Amino acid sequence: MGASGTLISIYPEDLTFLFELDKRCYCNLKVVNNSEHHVAFKVKTTSPRKYFVRPKASIVQPWDSCTVTITLQAQKEYPPDMQCKDKFLIQSTTVAASTDMDEIPSNTFNREVDKVIEEMKLKVVYTVPSGSSDDSGTTSFGSRSFKLGSDDLTIQTIQRLKDERDATLQQNQQMQRYDQEA
């Protein structure tokens, strides 16, 4: 499921990070152009020092898509109850086909009388990697423990997601190497 507007759709709807202390965590966001126009988008966050976003802004060709990689910088401590109040805002607007992807004009996302700026908000969700679990369903991570209820992800699911994340990171690195060689 994703967030959807007239110009773009965003997948997934929530940014889910597999949270580990002292390690960077990654989440890919897919931006899909739902229109016949060239669409510029910009990613903003309430915590810009905590996240590294690439690309922060780009242009998506008609009916095409773009992948944005969001990196949660290594954290020194767990957030209270593993809850995160960080939010992301994706702004989008149509641009001329001749607009340079590397030099999107600074006024592109300014509100003007005849310009439509769509905005979509995404929340951040932290999940935890597999750890030691006791019979009560409580999982321990260092000095912190979290109760895993029936609605929470199972340890097998978390491991599967971690494996998928690792595979995606490997693909991204291969794509970056390919782009550098081209």
N, C-alpha and C. Protein backbone atom coordinates (compact mmCIF):
# COMPACT_ATOMS: atom_id res chain seq x y z
N MET A 1 0.84 -1.18 0.00
CA MET A 1 0.00 0.00 0.00
C MET A 1 0.88 1.23 0.00
N GLY A 2 0.45 2.28 -0.65
CA GLY A 2 1.23 3.50 -0.71
C GLY A 2 0.35 4.73 -0.61
N ALA A 3 1.00 5.87 -0.51
CA ALA A 3 0.29 7.14 -0.52
C ALA A 3 0.15 7.56 -1.97
N SER A 4 -0.99 8.12 -2.34
CA SER A 4 -1.21 8.44 -3.74
C SER A 4 -1.82 9.82 -3.89
N GLY A 5 -1.30 10.56 -4.85
CA GLY A 5 -1.84 11.87 -5.21
C GLY A 5 -2.14 11.87 -6.69
N THR A 6 -2.49 13.03 -7.22
CA THR A 6 -2.78 13.15 -8.64
C THR A 6 -1.51 12.99 -9.47
N LEU A 7 -0.42 13.60 -8.99
CA LEU A 7 0.83 13.58 -9.75
C LEU A 7 1.68 12.34 -9.49
N ILE A 8 1.86 12.00 -8.19
CA ILE A 8 2.75 10.88 -7.86
C ILE A 8 2.11 9.95 -6.83
N SER A 9 2.64 8.75 -6.79
CA SER A 9 2.33 7.79 -5.72
C SER A 9 3.63 7.46 -5.03
N ILE A 10 3.54 7.18 -3.73
CA ILE A 10 4.72 6.87 -2.92
C ILE A 10 4.55 5.49 -2.31
N TYR A 11 5.58 4.65 -2.43
CA TYR A 11 5.57 3.31 -1.85
C TYR A 11 6.85 3.10 -1.05
N PRO A 12 6.82 2.61 0.15
CA PRO A 12 5.64 2.32 0.97
C PRO A 12 5.10 3.60 1.60
N GLU A 13 3.95 3.47 2.25
CA GLU A 13 3.28 4.61 2.87
C GLU A 13 3.97 5.04 4.16
N ASP A 14 4.58 4.10 4.86
CA ASP A 14 5.35 4.37 6.08
C ASP A 14 6.81 4.00 5.80
N LEU A 15 7.72 4.80 6.34
CA LEU A 15 9.14 4.50 6.21
C LEU A 15 9.53 3.60 7.38
N THR A 16 9.83 2.35 7.10
CA THR A 16 10.12 1.37 8.14
C THR A 16 11.62 1.09 8.17
N PHE A 17 12.22 1.35 9.32
CA PHE A 17 13.65 1.12 9.51
C PHE A 17 13.86 -0.01 10.49
N LEU A 18 14.74 -0.94 10.16
CA LEU A 18 15.14 -2.01 11.06
C LEU A 18 16.20 -1.41 11.98
N PHE A 19 15.78 -0.97 13.15
CA PHE A 19 16.59 -0.17 14.06
C PHE A 19 17.61 -1.02 14.81
N GLU A 20 18.88 -0.65 14.69
CA GLU A 20 19.95 -1.29 15.45
C GLU A 20 20.86 -0.20 16.00
N LEU A 21 21.26 -0.33 17.26
CA LEU A 21 22.15 0.66 17.86
C LEU A 21 23.48 0.71 17.12
N ASP A 22 24.01 1.93 16.99
CA ASP A 22 25.33 2.17 16.40
C ASP A 22 25.46 1.66 14.97
N LYS A 23 24.34 1.52 14.25
CA LYS A 23 24.38 1.10 12.85
C LYS A 23 23.45 1.98 12.02
N ARG A 24 23.88 2.26 10.81
CA ARG A 24 22.99 2.97 9.89
C ARG A 24 21.89 2.02 9.45
N CYS A 25 20.69 2.57 9.26
CA CYS A 25 19.55 1.78 8.79
C CYS A 25 19.05 2.44 7.50
N TYR A 26 18.56 1.63 6.58
CA TYR A 26 18.16 2.12 5.27
C TYR A 26 16.69 1.80 4.97
N CYS A 27 16.09 2.66 4.18
CA CYS A 27 14.74 2.43 3.69
C CYS A 27 14.65 3.02 2.29
N ASN A 28 14.13 2.25 1.35
CA ASN A 28 13.93 2.75 0.00
C ASN A 28 12.49 3.21 -0.17
N LEU A 29 12.35 4.30 -0.89
CA LEU A 29 11.05 4.89 -1.15
C LEU A 29 10.91 4.97 -2.67
N LYS A 30 9.82 4.47 -3.19
CA LYS A 30 9.59 4.52 -4.64
C LYS A 30 8.61 5.65 -4.94
N VAL A 31 9.03 6.54 -5.83
CA VAL A 31 8.21 7.68 -6.26
C VAL A 31 7.77 7.38 -7.69
N VAL A 32 6.46 7.26 -7.90
CA VAL A 32 5.91 6.90 -9.21
C VAL A 32 5.15 8.09 -9.79
N ASN A 33 5.49 8.47 -11.01
CA ASN A 33 4.80 9.55 -11.71
C ASN A 33 3.52 8.98 -12.32
N ASN A 34 2.38 9.51 -11.89
CA ASN A 34 1.07 9.04 -12.37
C ASN A 34 0.54 9.87 -13.53
N SER A 35 1.37 10.70 -14.13
CA SER A 35 0.84 11.65 -15.11
C SER A 35 1.64 11.61 -16.42
N GLU A 36 1.15 12.38 -17.37
CA GLU A 36 1.82 12.52 -18.66
C GLU A 36 2.80 13.69 -18.66
N HIS A 37 3.00 14.31 -17.49
CA HIS A 37 3.89 15.46 -17.34
C HIS A 37 5.19 15.06 -16.66
N HIS A 38 6.20 15.87 -16.82
CA HIS A 38 7.42 15.71 -16.04
C HIS A 38 7.10 16.25 -14.65
N VAL A 39 7.44 15.49 -13.61
CA VAL A 39 7.10 15.90 -12.24
C VAL A 39 8.37 15.98 -11.40
N ALA A 40 8.55 17.15 -10.78
CA ALA A 40 9.66 17.33 -9.85
C ALA A 40 9.14 17.00 -8.45
N PHE A 41 10.00 16.37 -7.64
CA PHE A 41 9.62 16.12 -6.26
C PHE A 41 10.78 16.51 -5.35
N LYS A 42 10.43 16.79 -4.10
CA LYS A 42 11.42 17.17 -3.09
C LYS A 42 11.05 16.47 -1.80
N VAL A 43 12.05 15.92 -1.10
CA VAL A 43 11.84 15.21 0.16
C VAL A 43 12.32 16.09 1.30
N LYS A 44 11.44 16.33 2.27
CA LYS A 44 11.79 17.10 3.46
C LYS A 44 11.52 16.24 4.69
N THR A 45 12.23 16.52 5.78
CA THR A 45 12.01 15.79 7.02
C THR A 45 12.04 16.73 8.22
N THR A 46 11.40 16.31 9.29
CA THR A 46 11.41 17.08 10.53
C THR A 46 12.74 16.92 11.27
N SER A 47 13.58 15.96 10.86
CA SER A 47 14.87 15.70 11.51
C SER A 47 15.98 15.58 10.47
N PRO A 48 16.36 16.68 9.82
CA PRO A 48 17.33 16.60 8.73
C PRO A 48 18.73 16.14 9.13
N ARG A 49 19.11 16.28 10.39
CA ARG A 49 20.44 15.82 10.81
C ARG A 49 20.46 14.32 11.09
N LYS A 50 19.29 13.75 11.25
CA LYS A 50 19.18 12.34 11.60
C LYS A 50 19.13 11.43 10.36
N TYR A 51 18.70 11.99 9.22
CA TYR A 51 18.50 11.21 8.01
C TYR A 51 19.32 11.77 6.85
N PHE A 52 19.80 10.87 6.01
CA PHE A 52 20.51 11.22 4.79
C PHE A 52 19.62 10.76 3.64
N VAL A 53 19.18 11.67 2.79
CA VAL A 53 18.23 11.36 1.72
C VAL A 53 18.89 11.58 0.37
N ARG A 54 18.85 10.54 -0.49
CA ARG A 54 19.42 10.64 -1.83
C ARG A 54 18.52 9.97 -2.85
N PRO A 55 18.08 10.65 -3.88
CA PRO A 55 18.22 12.10 -4.06
C PRO A 55 17.19 12.85 -3.21
N LYS A 56 17.54 14.06 -2.78
CA LYS A 56 16.61 14.89 -2.01
C LYS A 56 15.52 15.45 -2.91
N ALA A 57 15.88 15.66 -4.17
CA ALA A 57 14.94 16.18 -5.15
C ALA A 57 15.32 15.61 -6.52
N SER A 58 14.32 15.44 -7.36
CA SER A 58 14.59 14.92 -8.69
C SER A 58 13.37 15.17 -9.58
N ILE A 59 13.51 14.79 -10.82
CA ILE A 59 12.41 14.89 -11.78
C ILE A 59 12.12 13.49 -12.29
N VAL A 60 10.85 13.13 -12.31
CA VAL A 60 10.45 11.81 -12.80
C VAL A 60 9.74 12.01 -14.14
N GLN A 61 10.19 11.26 -15.13
CA GLN A 61 9.61 11.32 -16.47
C GLN A 61 8.15 10.83 -16.42
N PRO A 62 7.35 11.18 -17.42
CA PRO A 62 5.96 10.71 -17.44
C PRO A 62 5.87 9.20 -17.32
N TRP A 63 5.00 8.73 -16.45
CA TRP A 63 4.69 7.31 -16.22
C TRP A 63 5.89 6.50 -15.73
N ASP A 64 6.93 7.15 -15.27
CA ASP A 64 8.14 6.47 -14.82
C ASP A 64 8.22 6.50 -13.29
N SER A 65 9.30 5.99 -12.73
CA SER A 65 9.46 5.99 -11.27
C SER A 65 10.92 6.27 -10.91
N CYS A 66 11.13 6.55 -9.64
CA CYS A 66 12.46 6.87 -9.11
C CYS A 66 12.55 6.27 -7.72
N THR A 67 13.72 5.75 -7.35
CA THR A 67 13.92 5.21 -6.01
C THR A 67 14.74 6.20 -5.19
N VAL A 68 14.25 6.51 -4.00
CA VAL A 68 14.93 7.40 -3.06
C VAL A 68 15.41 6.52 -1.91
N THR A 69 16.69 6.64 -1.55
CA THR A 69 17.23 5.89 -0.42
C THR A 69 17.35 6.83 0.77
N ILE A 70 16.73 6.43 1.87
CA ILE A 70 16.77 7.22 3.09
C ILE A 70 17.58 6.44 4.12
N THR A 71 18.60 7.10 4.65
CA THR A 71 19.49 6.46 5.62
C THR A 71 19.29 7.10 6.99
N LEU A 72 18.95 6.29 7.96
CA LEU A 72 18.87 6.73 9.35
C LEU A 72 20.29 6.61 9.89
N GLN A 73 20.86 7.73 10.32
CA GLN A 73 22.23 7.71 10.85
C GLN A 73 22.29 6.84 12.10
N ALA A 74 23.47 6.31 12.39
CA ALA A 74 23.65 5.44 13.56
C ALA A 74 23.22 6.18 14.83
N GLN A 75 22.41 5.51 15.64
CA GLN A 75 21.88 6.10 16.87
C GLN A 75 22.57 5.45 18.07
N LYS A 76 22.79 6.24 19.11
CA LYS A 76 23.50 5.76 20.30
C LYS A 76 22.57 5.14 21.34
N GLU A 77 21.26 5.42 21.23
CA GLU A 77 20.31 4.84 22.20
C GLU A 77 18.97 4.58 21.54
N TYR A 78 18.21 3.68 22.16
CA TYR A 78 16.87 3.36 21.65
C TYR A 78 15.92 4.51 21.98
N PRO A 79 14.99 4.82 21.08
CA PRO A 79 13.98 5.82 21.42
C PRO A 79 13.00 5.24 22.44
N PRO A 80 12.35 6.08 23.24
CA PRO A 80 11.38 5.57 24.23
C PRO A 80 10.31 4.71 23.56
N ASP A 81 10.14 3.50 24.05
CA ASP A 81 9.13 2.54 23.55
C ASP A 81 9.23 2.30 22.05
N MET A 82 10.41 2.53 21.49
CA MET A 82 10.65 2.33 20.06
C MET A 82 9.69 3.13 19.18
N GLN A 83 9.20 4.25 19.69
CA GLN A 83 8.31 5.11 18.94
C GLN A 83 9.12 6.23 18.30
N CYS A 84 8.74 6.64 17.11
CA CYS A 84 9.43 7.70 16.39
C CYS A 84 8.42 8.76 15.98
N LYS A 85 8.72 10.00 16.27
CA LYS A 85 7.82 11.11 15.91
C LYS A 85 8.29 11.83 14.65
N ASP A 86 9.37 11.32 14.05
CA ASP A 86 9.87 11.96 12.83
C ASP A 86 8.87 11.78 11.69
N LYS A 87 8.83 12.77 10.82
CA LYS A 87 7.92 12.73 9.68
C LYS A 87 8.68 13.18 8.43
N PHE A 88 8.19 12.74 7.29
CA PHE A 88 8.73 13.16 6.01
C PHE A 88 7.61 13.79 5.20
N LEU A 89 7.95 14.80 4.40
CA LEU A 89 7.02 15.47 3.52
C LEU A 89 7.59 15.37 2.11
N ILE A 90 6.76 14.87 1.19
CA ILE A 90 7.15 14.79 -0.22
C ILE A 90 6.31 15.82 -0.96
N GLN A 91 6.97 16.80 -1.55
CA GLN A 91 6.28 17.81 -2.35
C GLN A 91 6.50 17.47 -3.82
N SER A 92 5.48 17.70 -4.64
CA SER A 92 5.62 17.44 -6.07
C SER A 92 4.86 18.49 -6.87
N THR A 93 5.37 18.75 -8.06
CA THR A 93 4.73 19.69 -8.97
C THR A 93 5.19 19.38 -10.39
N THR A 94 4.41 19.79 -11.37
CA THR A 94 4.81 19.58 -12.76
C THR A 94 5.86 20.61 -13.14
N VAL A 95 6.76 20.21 -14.05
CA VAL A 95 7.80 21.10 -14.55
C VAL A 95 7.91 20.91 -16.06
N ALA A 96 8.54 21.86 -16.70
CA ALA A 96 8.76 21.77 -18.14
C ALA A 96 9.68 20.59 -18.45
N ALA A 97 9.46 19.96 -19.58
CA ALA A 97 10.28 18.80 -19.97
C ALA A 97 11.75 19.18 -20.10
N SER A 98 12.04 20.44 -20.34
CA SER A 98 13.43 20.89 -20.51
C SER A 98 14.14 21.17 -19.18
N THR A 99 13.44 21.03 -18.06
CA THR A 99 14.05 21.31 -16.76
C THR A 99 15.19 20.33 -16.50
N ASP A 100 16.34 20.86 -16.10
CA ASP A 100 17.53 20.05 -15.83
C ASP A 100 17.37 19.33 -14.49
N MET A 101 17.50 18.02 -14.53
CA MET A 101 17.32 17.20 -13.33
C MET A 101 18.32 17.57 -12.24
N ASP A 102 19.54 17.95 -12.63
CA ASP A 102 20.58 18.26 -11.65
C ASP A 102 20.50 19.69 -11.12
N GLU A 103 19.73 20.52 -11.78
CA GLU A 103 19.63 21.91 -11.35
C GLU A 103 18.16 22.36 -11.33
N ILE A 104 17.38 21.74 -10.45
CA ILE A 104 15.98 22.13 -10.31
C ILE A 104 15.96 23.54 -9.72
N PRO A 105 15.29 24.48 -10.38
CA PRO A 105 15.27 25.86 -9.88
C PRO A 105 14.79 25.93 -8.42
N SER A 106 15.39 26.82 -7.64
CA SER A 106 15.07 26.93 -6.21
C SER A 106 13.62 27.33 -5.95
N ASN A 107 12.97 27.99 -6.91
CA ASN A 107 11.58 28.41 -6.71
C ASN A 107 10.56 27.37 -7.18
N THR A 108 11.02 26.19 -7.57
CA THR A 108 10.12 25.16 -8.11
C THR A 108 8.99 24.82 -7.14
N PHE A 109 9.27 24.79 -5.84
CA PHE A 109 8.26 24.38 -4.87
C PHE A 109 7.64 25.55 -4.11
N ASN A 110 7.86 26.78 -4.61
CA ASN A 110 7.19 27.95 -4.04
C ASN A 110 5.75 27.97 -4.52
N ARG A 111 4.87 28.34 -3.62
CA ARG A 111 3.45 28.42 -3.99
C ARG A 111 3.20 29.70 -4.79
N GLU A 112 2.63 29.52 -5.97
CA GLU A 112 2.24 30.65 -6.80
C GLU A 112 0.78 30.47 -7.16
N VAL A 113 0.18 31.51 -7.73
CA VAL A 113 -1.25 31.50 -8.02
C VAL A 113 -1.66 30.33 -8.90
N ASP A 114 -0.92 30.10 -9.98
CA ASP A 114 -1.34 29.07 -10.93
C ASP A 114 -0.58 27.75 -10.79
N LYS A 115 0.24 27.62 -9.74
CA LYS A 115 1.03 26.41 -9.56
C LYS A 115 0.41 25.51 -8.49
N VAL A 116 0.33 24.22 -8.82
CA VAL A 116 -0.19 23.23 -7.87
C VAL A 116 0.99 22.48 -7.26
N ILE A 117 1.08 22.50 -5.93
CA ILE A 117 2.10 21.75 -5.20
C ILE A 117 1.36 20.69 -4.40
N GLU A 118 1.57 19.44 -4.75
CA GLU A 118 0.98 18.34 -3.95
C GLU A 118 1.92 18.00 -2.82
N GLU A 119 1.35 17.65 -1.67
CA GLU A 119 2.15 17.27 -0.52
C GLU A 119 1.62 15.97 0.06
N MET A 120 2.55 15.07 0.39
CA MET A 120 2.21 13.80 1.04
C MET A 120 3.09 13.64 2.26
N LYS A 121 2.48 13.28 3.37
CA LYS A 121 3.23 13.08 4.61
C LYS A 121 3.41 11.60 4.88
N LEU A 122 4.62 11.24 5.31
CA LEU A 122 4.94 9.86 5.65
C LEU A 122 5.46 9.83 7.08
N LYS A 123 5.06 8.80 7.81
CA LYS A 123 5.59 8.66 9.16
C LYS A 123 6.70 7.61 9.17
N VAL A 124 7.49 7.65 10.23
CA VAL A 124 8.62 6.74 10.39
C VAL A 124 8.25 5.68 11.43
N VAL A 125 8.55 4.42 11.10
CA VAL A 125 8.28 3.31 12.01
C VAL A 125 9.60 2.57 12.23
N TYR A 126 9.91 2.29 13.48
CA TYR A 126 11.09 1.49 13.80
C TYR A 126 10.67 0.07 14.11
N THR A 127 11.39 -0.89 13.54
CA THR A 127 11.21 -2.29 13.92
C THR A 127 12.54 -2.74 14.51
N VAL A 128 12.54 -3.87 15.16
CA VAL A 128 13.75 -4.36 15.81
C VAL A 128 14.19 -5.67 15.18
N PRO A 129 15.50 -5.91 15.10
CA PRO A 129 15.98 -7.17 14.53
C PRO A 129 15.70 -8.32 15.47
N SER A 130 15.89 -9.54 14.97
CA SER A 130 15.66 -10.69 15.82
C SER A 130 16.65 -10.66 16.98
N GLY A 131 16.17 -11.08 18.14
CA GLY A 131 16.98 -11.07 19.36
C GLY A 131 16.57 -12.23 20.22
N SER A 132 16.98 -12.21 21.45
CA SER A 132 16.59 -13.29 22.35
C SER A 132 15.17 -13.05 22.84
N SER A 133 14.36 -14.08 22.81
CA SER A 133 12.96 -13.96 23.21
C SER A 133 12.67 -14.99 24.30
N ASP A 134 11.93 -14.57 25.34
CA ASP A 134 11.57 -15.53 26.38
C ASP A 134 10.16 -16.05 26.14
N ASP A 135 9.65 -16.91 27.01
CA ASP A 135 8.34 -17.54 26.82
C ASP A 135 7.18 -16.55 26.87
N SER A 136 7.38 -15.38 27.47
CA SER A 136 6.29 -14.40 27.58
C SER A 136 6.15 -13.57 26.32
N GLY A 137 7.05 -13.77 25.33
CA GLY A 137 6.97 -12.98 24.11
C GLY A 137 7.73 -11.67 24.24
N THR A 138 8.54 -11.53 25.28
CA THR A 138 9.33 -10.32 25.46
C THR A 138 10.68 -10.53 24.79
N THR A 139 11.07 -9.60 23.95
CA THR A 139 12.35 -9.68 23.26
C THR A 139 13.29 -8.66 23.87
N SER A 140 14.53 -9.09 24.15
CA SER A 140 15.51 -8.22 24.79
C SER A 140 16.55 -7.76 23.78
N PHE A 141 16.93 -6.50 23.89
CA PHE A 141 17.97 -5.91 23.08
C PHE A 141 18.81 -5.08 24.02
N GLY A 142 19.97 -5.60 24.39
CA GLY A 142 20.80 -4.89 25.36
C GLY A 142 20.05 -4.78 26.66
N SER A 143 19.92 -3.55 27.16
CA SER A 143 19.22 -3.35 28.43
C SER A 143 17.73 -3.08 28.23
N ARG A 144 17.25 -3.07 26.98
CA ARG A 144 15.85 -2.76 26.70
C ARG A 144 15.09 -4.03 26.34
N SER A 145 13.82 -4.09 26.74
CA SER A 145 12.96 -5.22 26.38
C SER A 145 11.68 -4.68 25.76
N PHE A 146 11.17 -5.40 24.79
CA PHE A 146 9.94 -5.00 24.11
C PHE A 146 9.00 -6.18 24.06
N LYS A 147 7.74 -5.95 24.38
CA LYS A 147 6.72 -7.00 24.33
C LYS A 147 6.25 -7.14 22.88
N LEU A 148 6.35 -8.34 22.34
CA LEU A 148 5.90 -8.59 20.99
C LEU A 148 4.50 -9.18 21.04
N GLY A 149 3.50 -8.40 20.64
CA GLY A 149 2.12 -8.88 20.64
C GLY A 149 1.80 -9.58 19.34
N SER A 150 0.58 -10.07 19.23
CA SER A 150 0.18 -10.81 18.03
C SER A 150 0.16 -9.93 16.79
N ASP A 151 0.04 -8.60 16.96
CA ASP A 151 0.01 -7.70 15.82
C ASP A 151 1.40 -7.31 15.35
N ASP A 152 2.43 -7.61 16.15
CA ASP A 152 3.79 -7.25 15.78
C ASP A 152 4.36 -8.25 14.78
N LEU A 153 5.41 -7.81 14.11
CA LEU A 153 6.08 -8.70 13.16
C LEU A 153 6.73 -9.86 13.90
N THR A 154 6.67 -11.02 13.33
CA THR A 154 7.34 -12.16 13.93
C THR A 154 8.83 -12.07 13.65
N ILE A 155 9.61 -12.79 14.41
CA ILE A 155 11.05 -12.76 14.23
C ILE A 155 11.43 -13.26 12.84
N GLN A 156 10.71 -14.25 12.33
CA GLN A 156 11.00 -14.74 10.98
C GLN A 156 10.75 -13.64 9.94
N THR A 157 9.68 -12.89 10.12
CA THR A 157 9.37 -11.82 9.19
C THR A 157 10.43 -10.73 9.25
N ILE A 158 10.87 -10.41 10.44
CA ILE A 158 11.91 -9.40 10.60
C ILE A 158 13.19 -9.85 9.91
N GLN A 159 13.53 -11.12 10.08
CA GLN A 159 14.74 -11.63 9.43
C GLN A 159 14.60 -11.59 7.91
N ARG A 160 13.41 -11.93 7.41
CA ARG A 160 13.17 -11.87 5.97
C ARG A 160 13.32 -10.44 5.46
N LEU A 161 12.76 -9.47 6.21
CA LEU A 161 12.87 -8.07 5.82
C LEU A 161 14.33 -7.61 5.84
N LYS A 162 15.07 -8.07 6.83
CA LYS A 162 16.49 -7.73 6.92
C LYS A 162 17.24 -8.28 5.71
N ASP A 163 16.94 -9.52 5.33
CA ASP A 163 17.57 -10.12 4.15
C ASP A 163 17.21 -9.35 2.88
N GLU A 164 15.94 -8.94 2.77
CA GLU A 164 15.52 -8.17 1.60
C GLU A 164 16.22 -6.81 1.58
N ARG A 165 16.34 -6.19 2.75
CA ARG A 165 17.04 -4.90 2.84
C ARG A 165 18.48 -5.06 2.37
N ASP A 166 19.16 -6.11 2.86
CA ASP A 166 20.55 -6.34 2.47
C ASP A 166 20.68 -6.55 0.97
N ALA A 167 19.73 -7.29 0.38
CA ALA A 167 19.75 -7.52 -1.07
C ALA A 167 19.53 -6.20 -1.82
N THR A 168 18.63 -5.36 -1.32
CA THR A 168 18.36 -4.07 -1.95
C THR A 168 19.57 -3.16 -1.85
N LEU A 169 20.23 -3.16 -0.69
CA LEU A 169 21.45 -2.37 -0.54
C LEU A 169 22.53 -2.81 -1.52
N GLN A 170 22.64 -4.12 -1.69
CA GLN A 170 23.63 -4.65 -2.63
C GLN A 170 23.29 -4.21 -4.05
N GLN A 171 22.00 -4.23 -4.41
CA GLN A 171 21.57 -3.77 -5.73
C GLN A 171 21.89 -2.29 -5.91
N ASN A 172 21.61 -1.48 -4.87
CA ASN A 172 21.88 -0.05 -4.94
C ASN A 172 23.37 0.21 -5.16
N GLN A 173 24.22 -0.53 -4.45
CA GLN A 173 25.66 -0.36 -4.60
C GLN A 173 26.10 -0.73 -6.02
N GLN A 174 25.51 -1.81 -6.58
CA GLN A 174 25.83 -2.20 -7.94
C GLN A 174 25.39 -1.12 -8.93
N MET A 175 24.21 -0.54 -8.69
CA MET A 175 23.70 0.52 -9.57
C MET A 175 24.60 1.75 -9.49
N GLN A 176 25.07 2.10 -8.28
CA GLN A 176 25.96 3.25 -8.12
C GLN A 176 27.27 3.02 -8.85
N ARG A 177 27.81 1.80 -8.75
CA ARG A 177 29.04 1.48 -9.47
C ARG A 177 28.82 1.59 -10.97
N TYR A 178 27.68 1.11 -11.43
CA TYR A 178 27.34 1.18 -12.85
C TYR A 178 27.25 2.63 -13.31
N ASP A 179 26.58 3.49 -12.50
CA ASP A 179 26.44 4.91 -12.84
C ASP A 179 27.81 5.60 -12.89
N GLN A 180 28.71 5.22 -11.99
CA GLN A 180 30.03 5.84 -11.96
C GLN A 180 30.86 5.41 -13.17
N GLU A 181 30.65 4.19 -13.63
CA GLU A 181 31.40 3.71 -14.79
C GLU A 181 30.86 4.29 -16.08
N ALA A 182 29.58 4.63 -16.11
CA ALA A 182 28.95 5.12 -17.35
C ALA A 182 29.34 6.55 -17.65
